[in-house]
Amino acid sequence: MLQCSYPANMITLDGSPVRVLAPVATLNYFDKQSVSLAEHLSSLQAWNLIMEDPQPLLNIAFKIRDAVSVRFGVKSIGGFSGAREDTVSVGDYLDFFLVEYTDDSTLVLTERDRHLDVMTCVSTQGKELSITSSVQVHNLFGKGYMLPVGIAHRLIVKNMLKRLQAKLSRN
């Protein structure tokens, strides 16, 4: 299942399955977190397992984000639905994220607007799962937006990965 012909701006990080928007030194935000899992998963399997049971506070955070951001002309994103997808293709959407690249080990999701470009890469190598986020900011609103979001994002991803590890160890 290789689907990778989308003309997106992204680079491969250090020969790994990880994709980012641009060289790390030029990004306004970069976070990569990895965990070892009890079993090998494809990138889409990992996404589905993480998103099938969204963190309770995440939907509240998205409602706050949407209420504030809409005043600055940013579209509402609504959060995560928990919907499971068996397959995805480049150009599909997983909730508000556009799928820009997908293969068994890499799932690249983006949200781009006039304020910032966000790329989230879910990647696997053997039993290791990584979630990598890269952001390029385009203006002052984007910079201000990323101050609280950058801090919260690291904590949210850390918790998502811990929850996934616990879920797989119970099975």
Protein backbone atom coordinates (compact mmCIF):
# COMPACT_ATOMS: atom_id res chain seq x y z
CA MET A 1 0.00 0.00 0.00
CA LEU A 2 2.21 2.85 -1.24
CA GLN A 3 0.58 6.13 -2.11
CA CYS A 4 3.00 9.00 -2.22
CA SER A 5 2.55 11.11 -5.34
CA TYR A 6 1.11 14.19 -3.62
CA PRO A 7 3.18 17.31 -4.40
CA ALA A 8 3.69 18.36 -0.79
CA ASN A 9 6.57 20.26 0.75
CA MET A 10 8.24 17.85 3.14
CA ILE A 11 11.60 16.28 3.80
CA THR A 12 12.67 12.98 5.29
CA LEU A 13 14.37 13.28 8.65
CA ASP A 14 17.73 11.49 8.92
CA GLY A 15 16.87 8.67 6.52
CA SER A 16 14.03 7.52 8.79
CA PRO A 17 10.33 7.26 7.93
CA VAL A 18 9.81 10.61 9.72
CA ARG A 19 8.73 13.54 7.52
CA VAL A 20 8.87 17.22 8.47
CA LEU A 21 7.96 20.46 6.70
CA ALA A 22 11.52 21.76 6.38
CA PRO A 23 14.98 21.35 7.91
CA VAL A 24 14.57 21.24 11.70
CA ALA A 25 16.74 24.34 12.25
CA THR A 26 14.33 26.42 10.15
CA LEU A 27 11.11 25.28 11.86
CA ASN A 28 9.25 27.48 14.34
CA TYR A 29 8.17 24.39 16.27
CA PHE A 30 9.47 20.83 16.33
CA ASP A 31 8.57 17.94 18.60
CA LYS A 32 9.37 14.26 18.16
CA GLN A 33 8.28 11.73 20.75
CA SER A 34 8.80 7.98 20.51
CA VAL A 35 7.79 4.89 22.47
CA SER A 36 8.44 1.18 22.21
CA LEU A 37 5.28 -0.84 21.77
CA ALA A 38 4.46 -4.44 22.66
CA GLU A 39 3.81 -5.20 18.98
CA HIS A 40 4.47 -3.78 15.53
CA LEU A 41 1.74 -1.54 14.14
CA SER A 42 1.40 0.23 10.82
CA SER A 43 1.22 4.00 11.04
CA LEU A 44 -2.53 3.95 10.28
CA GLN A 45 -3.16 1.23 12.88
CA ALA A 46 -1.37 3.38 15.46
CA TRP A 47 -3.41 6.45 14.45
CA ASN A 48 -6.67 4.50 14.73
CA LEU A 49 -5.81 3.08 18.16
CA ILE A 50 -4.80 6.50 19.49
CA MET A 51 -7.82 8.31 18.05
CA GLU A 52 -10.53 5.71 18.77
CA ASP A 53 -10.69 6.97 22.34
CA PRO A 54 -9.68 10.67 22.35
CA GLN A 55 -8.43 12.15 25.60
CA PRO A 56 -11.34 13.73 27.50
CA LEU A 57 -9.79 17.18 27.84
CA LEU A 58 -8.80 17.30 24.18
CA ASN A 59 -12.32 18.07 22.96
CA ILE A 60 -12.58 20.89 25.51
CA ALA A 61 -9.24 22.26 24.32
CA PHE A 62 -10.46 22.19 20.70
CA LYS A 63 -13.65 24.04 21.63
CA ILE A 64 -11.60 26.77 23.33
CA ARG A 65 -9.21 26.88 20.37
CA ASP A 66 -12.08 27.22 17.90
CA ALA A 67 -13.84 29.93 19.94
CA VAL A 68 -10.69 32.07 20.10
CA SER A 69 -9.30 31.36 16.63
CA VAL A 70 -12.52 32.02 14.70
CA ARG A 71 -12.24 35.68 15.77
CA PHE A 72 -9.00 35.86 13.78
CA GLY A 73 -10.39 34.29 10.62
CA VAL A 74 -9.16 30.77 11.37
CA LYS A 75 -11.55 27.98 10.45
CA SER A 76 -12.96 25.77 13.18
CA ILE A 77 -11.48 22.29 13.28
CA GLY A 78 -13.82 20.69 15.79
CA GLY A 79 -11.44 18.10 17.18
CA PHE A 80 -11.19 14.37 16.71
CA SER A 81 -14.20 12.19 15.93
CA GLY A 82 -12.78 8.82 16.94
CA ALA A 83 -13.73 7.45 13.51
CA ARG A 84 -11.68 4.46 12.37
CA GLU A 85 -10.32 4.23 8.82
CA ASP A 86 -9.16 0.92 7.34
CA THR A 87 -7.37 2.60 4.45
CA VAL A 88 -6.43 6.13 3.52
CA SER A 89 -5.10 7.68 0.35
CA VAL A 90 -3.28 10.90 -0.33
CA GLY A 91 -5.90 13.66 -0.48
CA ASP A 92 -8.22 12.02 2.07
CA TYR A 93 -8.98 13.66 5.40
CA LEU A 94 -8.63 12.19 8.86
CA ASP A 95 -10.87 14.58 10.75
CA PHE A 96 -9.41 18.04 9.96
CA PHE A 97 -6.02 16.74 8.77
CA LEU A 98 -5.22 16.30 5.07
CA VAL A 99 -3.35 13.08 4.28
CA GLU A 100 -0.30 14.19 2.28
CA TYR A 101 1.66 10.92 2.35
CA THR A 102 0.97 7.38 3.44
CA ASP A 103 2.65 4.01 3.42
CA ASP A 104 2.81 1.21 5.99
CA SER A 105 5.40 2.98 8.15
CA THR A 106 4.50 6.64 7.63
CA LEU A 107 1.34 8.71 7.80
CA VAL A 108 1.78 12.42 7.09
CA LEU A 109 -1.09 14.71 8.08
CA THR A 110 -1.26 18.46 7.55
CA GLU A 111 -3.36 21.49 8.26
CA ARG A 112 -2.28 24.62 6.42
CA ASP A 113 -3.69 28.13 6.56
CA ARG A 114 -2.53 31.74 6.24
CA HIS A 115 -1.15 31.74 9.80
CA LEU A 116 0.81 28.50 9.90
CA ASP A 117 1.53 25.14 8.35
CA VAL A 118 1.28 22.14 10.67
CA MET A 119 2.57 18.68 9.82
CA THR A 120 2.07 15.65 12.04
CA CYS A 121 3.91 12.49 11.08
CA VAL A 122 2.97 9.16 12.63
CA SER A 123 5.80 6.74 11.87
CA THR A 124 6.84 3.25 12.85
CA GLN A 125 10.13 1.36 12.71
CA GLY A 126 9.74 -2.15 14.02
CA LYS A 127 8.01 -1.82 17.40
CA GLU A 128 8.96 1.86 17.81
CA LEU A 129 6.26 4.47 17.21
CA SER A 130 7.06 8.15 16.75
CA ILE A 131 4.80 11.16 16.51
CA THR A 132 6.61 14.11 15.01
CA SER A 133 5.15 17.58 14.67
CA SER A 134 6.65 20.41 12.67
CA VAL A 135 5.27 23.91 12.26
CA GLN A 136 6.14 26.88 10.11
CA VAL A 137 4.59 30.16 11.23
CA HIS A 138 3.59 32.83 8.68
CA ASN A 139 2.64 35.81 10.85
CA LEU A 140 2.25 37.29 14.34
CA PHE A 141 -1.03 35.49 15.02
CA GLY A 142 0.65 32.18 14.21
CA LYS A 143 3.47 32.96 16.63
CA GLY A 144 1.05 33.89 19.40
CA TYR A 145 -1.07 30.82 18.71
CA MET A 146 1.91 28.50 19.01
CA LEU A 147 2.98 29.78 22.45
CA PRO A 148 0.30 27.93 24.44
CA VAL A 149 -0.31 25.26 21.79
CA GLY A 150 3.35 24.25 21.66
CA ILE A 151 3.43 23.61 25.40
CA ALA A 152 0.10 21.79 25.45
CA HIS A 153 0.94 19.75 22.37
CA ARG A 154 3.98 18.11 23.98
CA LEU A 155 1.91 17.05 26.98
CA ILE A 156 -0.99 15.80 24.85
CA VAL A 157 1.26 13.66 22.63
CA LYS A 158 3.13 12.28 25.64
CA ASN A 159 -0.18 11.23 27.18
CA MET A 160 -1.45 9.74 23.90
CA LEU A 161 1.65 7.58 23.62
CA LYS A 162 1.41 6.43 27.25
CA ARG A 163 -2.25 5.52 26.77
CA LEU A 164 -1.43 3.54 23.63
CA GLN A 165 1.36 1.64 25.39
CA ALA A 166 -1.01 0.76 28.24
CA LYS A 167 -3.76 -0.31 25.81
CA LEU A 168 -1.42 -2.65 23.92
CA SER A 169 0.08 -4.15 27.06
CA ARG A 170 -3.44 -5.08 28.30
CA ASN A 171 -4.22 -6.98 25.08
